[in-house]
Structure formats: C-alpha cells, structure tokens
Amino acid sequence: MKQLIFGGARSGKSRLAEHLTGLYGDTIAYIATADAQFHDAEMTARVVHHRQQRPPHWHTLEVPCELGASLRAEASNYDAIIVDCLTLWLTNCLMAEERHPDFWSQQKQRFLSALDEIRTPVILVSNEVGMGIVPLGELNRRFVDEAGFLNQATARLCDRVIFTAAGCPLVMKGTALSHTELQE
C-alpha cells in the first residue's frame, strides 16, 4: 500500500506516518529529505526531534534530491519505507535548479515513476501549503504551486490519502483507518 499523509506544520502528520509505518514490521527505511546545507539552529533542533521520535533500529537514509533513485534502490530491502517529507525534497530540488536547469521536473518524474513501479509499502509525508494567502516572491509562489501539483500527482498514485489537522486524521481517499492503525 502507498499512502500520502499531508497537513500543515505540527498537524501530527509525521507522528501518524511513523506509527503506520511501524505496523509493517521492523525492517524500515526512513528517508529523510532535509538537506544539511540549509540547516540553521531551529532546523537542526527539528531533525534531532524527529530522530528521537522514531525507533532507533530503523535505517535512516538522507536523500535531499535523488528520491526516485533511492526508492528504486531500497524498495526490496525493507518491509516498508517512510519519506519525510516531500516538501523539503521539493525545496532542495528547486534550489538545485540554480545550477541545473529543469532539475525539479526531472526529479519529480523519476520519483513518480519509481513510486508507481515499486511494490514495497511507502508512506509519504507532505505539507499542505496552499491554503493561505498567495506569497510574495516568484520562488515562493512557484514553491506553493509545485507543492500543490506534487501532492496531487502523488495522491493519484497512492491507495490512501490522509489529511491531518490538530492531530486528527481525515481519510480523503482509500480505506478508513482501522482501530489498530489509530492506536498510538
């Protein structure tokens, strides 16, 4: 099963994704997309917090850009894969376009192809950033647009799509969460 869990900042999406991923077994790949070159003190604290939340036996892979290639390479090695998060990955790819034109469109296509092809359960975390005002700045507006397009394309390939707000999951596509899946 492929699942997309999205919502706003601190909505409970990562906690839910980690819980659901853990139901697949002990051999879990946690793909972290944060790029250390963009870390400030606050981002470093977020990374530490996420590391402390997940089980220590999960295998962490830091994949700031080549997400499609990583999914293909790792899929058969794990019971399930969690990706946290797609919008950080998008940011990294958009920043790479300063050096490599069309980098984002290429990476997005590779990711969507890999997601469609692999059979390992994958749980993807993403932010919903398009529910507020239109931001100032061309890059900011492009980010909001591309995040929306990415979430739509990813949702089409997923069996279940869950929106989270205030720690409450709302299944928007696929089967309802079972009692076991809701237990934390």
C-alpha atoms as a PDB file:
ATOM      1  CA  MET A   1       0.000   0.000   0.000  1.00  0.00           C
ATOM      2  CA  LYS A   2       1.141   3.512  -0.768  1.00  0.00           C
ATOM      3  CA  GLN A   3      -0.070   6.293   1.492  1.00  0.00           C
ATOM      4  CA  LEU A   4       0.231  10.074   1.433  1.00  0.00           C
ATOM      5  CA  ILE A   5      -0.201  11.881   4.739  1.00  0.00           C
ATOM      6  CA  PHE A   6      -0.315  15.639   4.423  1.00  0.00           C
ATOM      7  CA  GLY A   7      -1.282  18.635   6.508  1.00  0.00           C
ATOM      8  CA  GLY A   8       0.046  21.838   7.977  1.00  0.00           C
ATOM      9  CA  ALA A   9       3.008  22.369  10.265  1.00  0.00           C
ATOM     10  CA  ARG A  10       2.705  20.463  13.547  1.00  0.00           C
ATOM     11  CA  SER A  11      -0.534  18.830  12.404  1.00  0.00           C
ATOM     12  CA  GLY A  12       0.521  15.338  13.537  1.00  0.00           C
ATOM     13  CA  LYS A  13       1.341  14.033  10.070  1.00  0.00           C
ATOM     14  CA  SER A  14       4.842  12.712  10.864  1.00  0.00           C
ATOM     15  CA  ARG A  15       3.707  11.049  14.094  1.00  0.00           C
ATOM     16  CA  LEU A  16       0.867   9.291  12.254  1.00  0.00           C
ATOM     17  CA  ALA A  17       3.153   8.293   9.377  1.00  0.00           C
ATOM     18  CA  GLU A  18       5.720   6.820  11.758  1.00  0.00           C
ATOM     19  CA  HIS A  19       3.026   4.880  13.611  1.00  0.00           C
ATOM     20  CA  LEU A  20       1.542   3.465  10.393  1.00  0.00           C
ATOM     21  CA  THR A  21       4.966   2.588   9.007  1.00  0.00           C
ATOM     22  CA  GLY A  22       5.835   0.682  12.180  1.00  0.00           C
ATOM     23  CA  LEU A  23       2.855  -1.618  11.607  1.00  0.00           C
ATOM     24  CA  TYR A  24       4.612  -3.133   8.576  1.00  0.00           C
ATOM     25  CA  GLY A  25       7.471  -4.708  10.546  1.00  0.00           C
ATOM     26  CA  ASP A  26      10.873  -3.927  11.974  1.00  0.00           C
ATOM     27  CA  THR A  27      12.920  -3.529   8.812  1.00  0.00           C
ATOM     28  CA  ILE A  28      12.035   0.060   7.968  1.00  0.00           C
ATOM     29  CA  ALA A  29      13.807   2.641   5.816  1.00  0.00           C
ATOM     30  CA  TYR A  30      13.296   6.209   6.955  1.00  0.00           C
ATOM     31  CA  ILE A  31      14.143   8.518   4.067  1.00  0.00           C
ATOM     32  CA  ALA A  32      14.870  11.963   5.466  1.00  0.00           C
ATOM     33  CA  THR A  33      14.885  14.675   2.809  1.00  0.00           C
ATOM     34  CA  ALA A  34      16.241  17.607   4.823  1.00  0.00           C
ATOM     35  CA  ASP A  35      19.470  18.932   3.321  1.00  0.00           C
ATOM     36  CA  ALA A  36      22.081  19.731   5.968  1.00  0.00           C
ATOM     37  CA  GLN A  37      23.446  22.623   3.916  1.00  0.00           C
ATOM     38  CA  PHE A  38      20.244  24.555   4.638  1.00  0.00           C
ATOM     39  CA  HIS A  39      20.145  23.834   8.392  1.00  0.00           C
ATOM     40  CA  ASP A  40      20.072  26.621  10.917  1.00  0.00           C
ATOM     41  CA  ALA A  41      19.761  26.076  14.684  1.00  0.00           C
ATOM     42  CA  GLU A  42      15.973  25.694  14.554  1.00  0.00           C
ATOM     43  CA  MET A  43      16.109  23.174  11.687  1.00  0.00           C
ATOM     44  CA  THR A  44      18.827  21.216  13.462  1.00  0.00           C
ATOM     45  CA  ALA A  45      16.543  21.006  16.507  1.00  0.00           C
ATOM     46  CA  ARG A  46      13.700  19.712  14.296  1.00  0.00           C
ATOM     47  CA  VAL A  47      15.950  16.992  12.885  1.00  0.00           C
ATOM     48  CA  VAL A  48      17.010  15.941  16.400  1.00  0.00           C
ATOM     49  CA  HIS A  49      13.357  15.843  17.493  1.00  0.00           C
ATOM     50  CA  HIS A  50      12.409  13.610  14.540  1.00  0.00           C
ATOM     51  CA  ARG A  51      15.345  11.268  15.213  1.00  0.00           C
ATOM     52  CA  GLN A  52      14.281  10.901  18.860  1.00  0.00           C
ATOM     53  CA  GLN A  53      10.676  10.084  17.878  1.00  0.00           C
ATOM     54  CA  ARG A  54      11.399   7.171  15.576  1.00  0.00           C
ATOM     55  CA  PRO A  55      12.582   3.720  16.642  1.00  0.00           C
ATOM     56  CA  PRO A  56      16.381   3.526  16.800  1.00  0.00           C
ATOM     57  CA  HIS A  57      16.506   0.294  14.755  1.00  0.00           C
ATOM     58  CA  TRP A  58      15.003   1.954  11.659  1.00  0.00           C
ATOM     59  CA  HIS A  59      17.554   2.600   8.950  1.00  0.00           C
ATOM     60  CA  THR A  60      17.832   6.320   8.166  1.00  0.00           C
ATOM     61  CA  LEU A  61      18.778   7.407   4.658  1.00  0.00           C
ATOM     62  CA  GLU A  62      19.434  11.065   3.975  1.00  0.00           C
ATOM     63  CA  VAL A  63      18.181  11.788   0.476  1.00  0.00           C
ATOM     64  CA  PRO A  64      17.945  15.507  -0.265  1.00  0.00           C
ATOM     65  CA  CYS A  65      17.395  15.216  -4.042  1.00  0.00           C
ATOM     66  CA  GLU A  66      17.549  11.795  -5.738  1.00  0.00           C
ATOM     67  CA  LEU A  67      14.342  10.435  -4.184  1.00  0.00           C
ATOM     68  CA  GLY A  68      13.196   8.341  -7.158  1.00  0.00           C
ATOM     69  CA  ALA A  69      16.565   6.604  -7.445  1.00  0.00           C
ATOM     70  CA  SER A  70      16.615   5.950  -3.701  1.00  0.00           C
ATOM     71  CA  LEU A  71      13.127   4.423  -3.718  1.00  0.00           C
ATOM     72  CA  ARG A  72      14.099   2.096  -6.559  1.00  0.00           C
ATOM     73  CA  ALA A  73      17.395   1.101  -4.929  1.00  0.00           C
ATOM     74  CA  GLU A  74      15.981   0.468  -1.445  1.00  0.00           C
ATOM     75  CA  ALA A  75      12.477  -0.901  -2.053  1.00  0.00           C
ATOM     76  CA  SER A  76      13.322  -4.602  -1.977  1.00  0.00           C
ATOM     77  CA  ASN A  77      15.485  -4.259   1.152  1.00  0.00           C
ATOM     78  CA  TYR A  78      12.741  -3.178   3.582  1.00  0.00           C
ATOM     79  CA  ASP A  79       9.310  -4.129   4.909  1.00  0.00           C
ATOM     80  CA  ALA A  80       8.228  -0.516   4.334  1.00  0.00           C
ATOM     81  CA  ILE A  81       9.634   2.919   3.554  1.00  0.00           C
ATOM     82  CA  ILE A  82       8.681   6.253   5.065  1.00  0.00           C
ATOM     83  CA  VAL A  83       9.607   9.501   3.303  1.00  0.00           C
ATOM     84  CA  ASP A  84       9.573  12.653   5.432  1.00  0.00           C
ATOM     85  CA  CYS A  85       8.982  14.960   3.706  1.00  0.00           C
ATOM     86  CA  LEU A  86       8.119  15.710   0.097  1.00  0.00           C
ATOM     87  CA  THR A  87       8.039  19.492   0.518  1.00  0.00           C
ATOM     88  CA  LEU A  88      11.585  19.621   1.917  1.00  0.00           C
ATOM     89  CA  TRP A  89      12.633  17.495  -1.051  1.00  0.00           C
ATOM     90  CA  LEU A  90      10.859  19.945  -3.378  1.00  0.00           C
ATOM     91  CA  THR A  91      12.743  22.844  -1.769  1.00  0.00           C
ATOM     92  CA  ASN A  92      16.086  21.099  -2.301  1.00  0.00           C
ATOM     93  CA  CYS A  93      15.281  20.385  -5.947  1.00  0.00           C
ATOM     94  CA  LEU A  94      14.145  23.943  -6.637  1.00  0.00           C
ATOM     95  CA  MET A  95      17.337  25.280  -5.060  1.00  0.00           C
ATOM     96  CA  ALA A  96      19.402  22.920  -7.256  1.00  0.00           C
ATOM     97  CA  GLU A  97      17.885  24.496 -10.357  1.00  0.00           C
ATOM     98  CA  GLU A  98      20.238  27.434  -9.864  1.00  0.00           C
ATOM     99  CA  ARG A  99      22.988  25.073 -11.060  1.00  0.00           C
ATOM    100  CA  HIS A 100      20.960  22.572 -13.122  1.00  0.00           C
ATOM    101  CA  PRO A 101      18.017  23.907 -15.161  1.00  0.00           C
ATOM    102  CA  ASP A 102      14.964  21.604 -15.230  1.00  0.00           C
ATOM    103  CA  PHE A 103      16.302  19.668 -12.243  1.00  0.00           C
ATOM    104  CA  TRP A 104      12.937  19.712 -10.464  1.00  0.00           C
ATOM    105  CA  SER A 105      10.899  18.439 -13.394  1.00  0.00           C
ATOM    106  CA  GLN A 106      13.371  15.594 -13.956  1.00  0.00           C
ATOM    107  CA  GLN A 107      13.449  14.592 -10.278  1.00  0.00           C
ATOM    108  CA  LYS A 108       9.675  14.790  -9.978  1.00  0.00           C
ATOM    109  CA  GLN A 109       9.178  12.480 -12.958  1.00  0.00           C
ATOM    110  CA  ARG A 110      11.754   9.997 -11.650  1.00  0.00           C
ATOM    111  CA  PHE A 111      10.052   9.993  -8.249  1.00  0.00           C
ATOM    112  CA  LEU A 112       6.553   9.491  -9.643  1.00  0.00           C
ATOM    113  CA  SER A 113       7.756   6.673 -11.926  1.00  0.00           C
ATOM    114  CA  ALA A 114       9.527   4.928  -9.049  1.00  0.00           C
ATOM    115  CA  LEU A 115       6.527   5.318  -6.757  1.00  0.00           C
ATOM    116  CA  ASP A 116       4.272   3.820  -9.405  1.00  0.00           C
ATOM    117  CA  GLU A 117       6.598   0.869 -10.067  1.00  0.00           C
ATOM    118  CA  ILE A 118       7.741  -0.315  -6.634  1.00  0.00           C
ATOM    119  CA  ARG A 119       5.616  -2.731  -4.632  1.00  0.00           C
ATOM    120  CA  THR A 120       7.040  -2.087  -1.157  1.00  0.00           C
ATOM    121  CA  PRO A 121       4.650  -0.190   1.139  1.00  0.00           C
ATOM    122  CA  VAL A 122       5.562   3.503   1.130  1.00  0.00           C
ATOM    123  CA  ILE A 123       4.242   6.196   3.442  1.00  0.00           C
ATOM    124  CA  LEU A 124       4.896   9.738   2.271  1.00  0.00           C
ATOM    125  CA  VAL A 125       4.666  12.885   4.379  1.00  0.00           C
ATOM    126  CA  SER A 126       3.990  16.261   2.781  1.00  0.00           C
ATOM    127  CA  ASN A 127       2.923  19.731   3.801  1.00  0.00           C
ATOM    128  CA  GLU A 128      -0.229  21.435   2.638  1.00  0.00           C
ATOM    129  CA  VAL A 129       0.976  24.950   1.911  1.00  0.00           C
ATOM    130  CA  GLY A 130      -1.680  26.248  -0.453  1.00  0.00           C
ATOM    131  CA  MET A 131      -4.465  27.065   1.982  1.00  0.00           C
ATOM    132  CA  GLY A 132      -3.255  30.543   2.874  1.00  0.00           C
ATOM    133  CA  ILE A 133      -2.587  33.749   1.041  1.00  0.00           C
ATOM    134  CA  VAL A 134      -0.566  33.889  -2.173  1.00  0.00           C
ATOM    135  CA  PRO A 135       3.011  34.569  -1.020  1.00  0.00           C
ATOM    136  CA  LEU A 136       5.241  37.366  -2.215  1.00  0.00           C
ATOM    137  CA  GLY A 137       8.152  36.486  -4.459  1.00  0.00           C
ATOM    138  CA  GLU A 138       8.392  34.391  -7.600  1.00  0.00           C
ATOM    139  CA  LEU A 139      10.224  31.469  -5.965  1.00  0.00           C
ATOM    140  CA  ASN A 140       7.755  31.383  -3.065  1.00  0.00           C
ATOM    141  CA  ARG A 141       4.776  31.299  -5.426  1.00  0.00           C
ATOM    142  CA  ARG A 142       6.439  28.609  -7.532  1.00  0.00           C
ATOM    143  CA  PHE A 143       7.069  26.540  -4.403  1.00  0.00           C
ATOM    144  CA  VAL A 144       3.390  26.733  -3.373  1.00  0.00           C
ATOM    145  CA  ASP A 145       2.267  25.835  -6.911  1.00  0.00           C
ATOM    146  CA  GLU A 146       4.733  22.955  -7.287  1.00  0.00           C
ATOM    147  CA  ALA A 147       3.868  21.584  -3.835  1.00  0.00           C
ATOM    148  CA  GLY A 148       0.204  21.523  -4.830  1.00  0.00           C
ATOM    149  CA  PHE A 149       0.957  19.815  -8.157  1.00  0.00           C
ATOM    150  CA  LEU A 150       3.264  17.303  -6.402  1.00  0.00           C
ATOM    151  CA  ASN A 151       0.648  16.450  -3.773  1.00  0.00           C
ATOM    152  CA  GLN A 152      -1.979  15.944  -6.481  1.00  0.00           C
ATOM    153  CA  ALA A 153       0.269  13.693  -8.598  1.00  0.00           C
ATOM    154  CA  THR A 154       1.366  11.705  -5.553  1.00  0.00           C
ATOM    155  CA  ALA A 155      -2.215  11.304  -4.322  1.00  0.00           C
ATOM    156  CA  ARG A 156      -3.234   9.833  -7.682  1.00  0.00           C
ATOM    157  CA  LEU A 157      -0.651   7.062  -7.211  1.00  0.00           C
ATOM    158  CA  CYS A 158      -1.489   6.362  -3.567  1.00  0.00           C
ATOM    159  CA  ASP A 159      -4.006   3.872  -2.270  1.00  0.00           C
ATOM    160  CA  ARG A 160      -4.784   6.048   0.725  1.00  0.00           C
ATOM    161  CA  VAL A 161      -4.545   9.803   1.263  1.00  0.00           C
ATOM    162  CA  ILE A 162      -4.890  11.247   4.757  1.00  0.00           C
ATOM    163  CA  PHE A 163      -5.171  14.918   5.666  1.00  0.00           C
ATOM    164  CA  THR A 164      -4.172  15.769   9.235  1.00  0.00           C
ATOM    165  CA  ALA A 165      -5.160  18.799  11.295  1.00  0.00           C
ATOM    166  CA  ALA A 166      -4.786  19.244  15.060  1.00  0.00           C
ATOM    167  CA  GLY A 167      -3.606  15.636  15.333  1.00  0.00           C
ATOM    168  CA  CYS A 168      -6.807  14.312  13.758  1.00  0.00           C
ATOM    169  CA  PRO A 169      -6.575  12.230  10.573  1.00  0.00           C
ATOM    170  CA  LEU A 170      -9.173  12.592   7.839  1.00  0.00           C
ATOM    171  CA  VAL A 171      -9.040   9.873   5.176  1.00  0.00           C
ATOM    172  CA  MET A 172      -9.681  11.561   1.845  1.00  0.00           C
ATOM    173  CA  LYS A 173      -9.020   8.550  -0.405  1.00  0.00           C
ATOM    174  CA  GLY A 174      -8.965   4.828   0.270  1.00  0.00           C
ATOM    175  CA  THR A 175      -9.942   2.707   3.218  1.00  0.00           C
ATOM    176  CA  ALA A 176     -10.719   4.165   6.613  1.00  0.00           C
ATOM    177  CA  LEU A 177      -8.116   3.805   9.331  1.00  0.00           C
ATOM    178  CA  SER A 178      -8.653   0.632  11.367  1.00  0.00           C
ATOM    179  CA  HIS A 179      -8.727   0.538  15.148  1.00  0.00           C
ATOM    180  CA  THR A 180      -5.150  -0.859  15.127  1.00  0.00           C
ATOM    181  CA  GLU A 181      -3.947   1.923  12.847  1.00  0.00           C
ATOM    182  CA  LEU A 182      -5.450   4.555  15.142  1.00  0.00           C
ATOM    183  CA  GLN A 183      -3.804   3.129  18.293  1.00  0.00           C
ATOM    184  CA  GLU A 184      -0.687   5.001  19.357  1.00  0.00           C
END
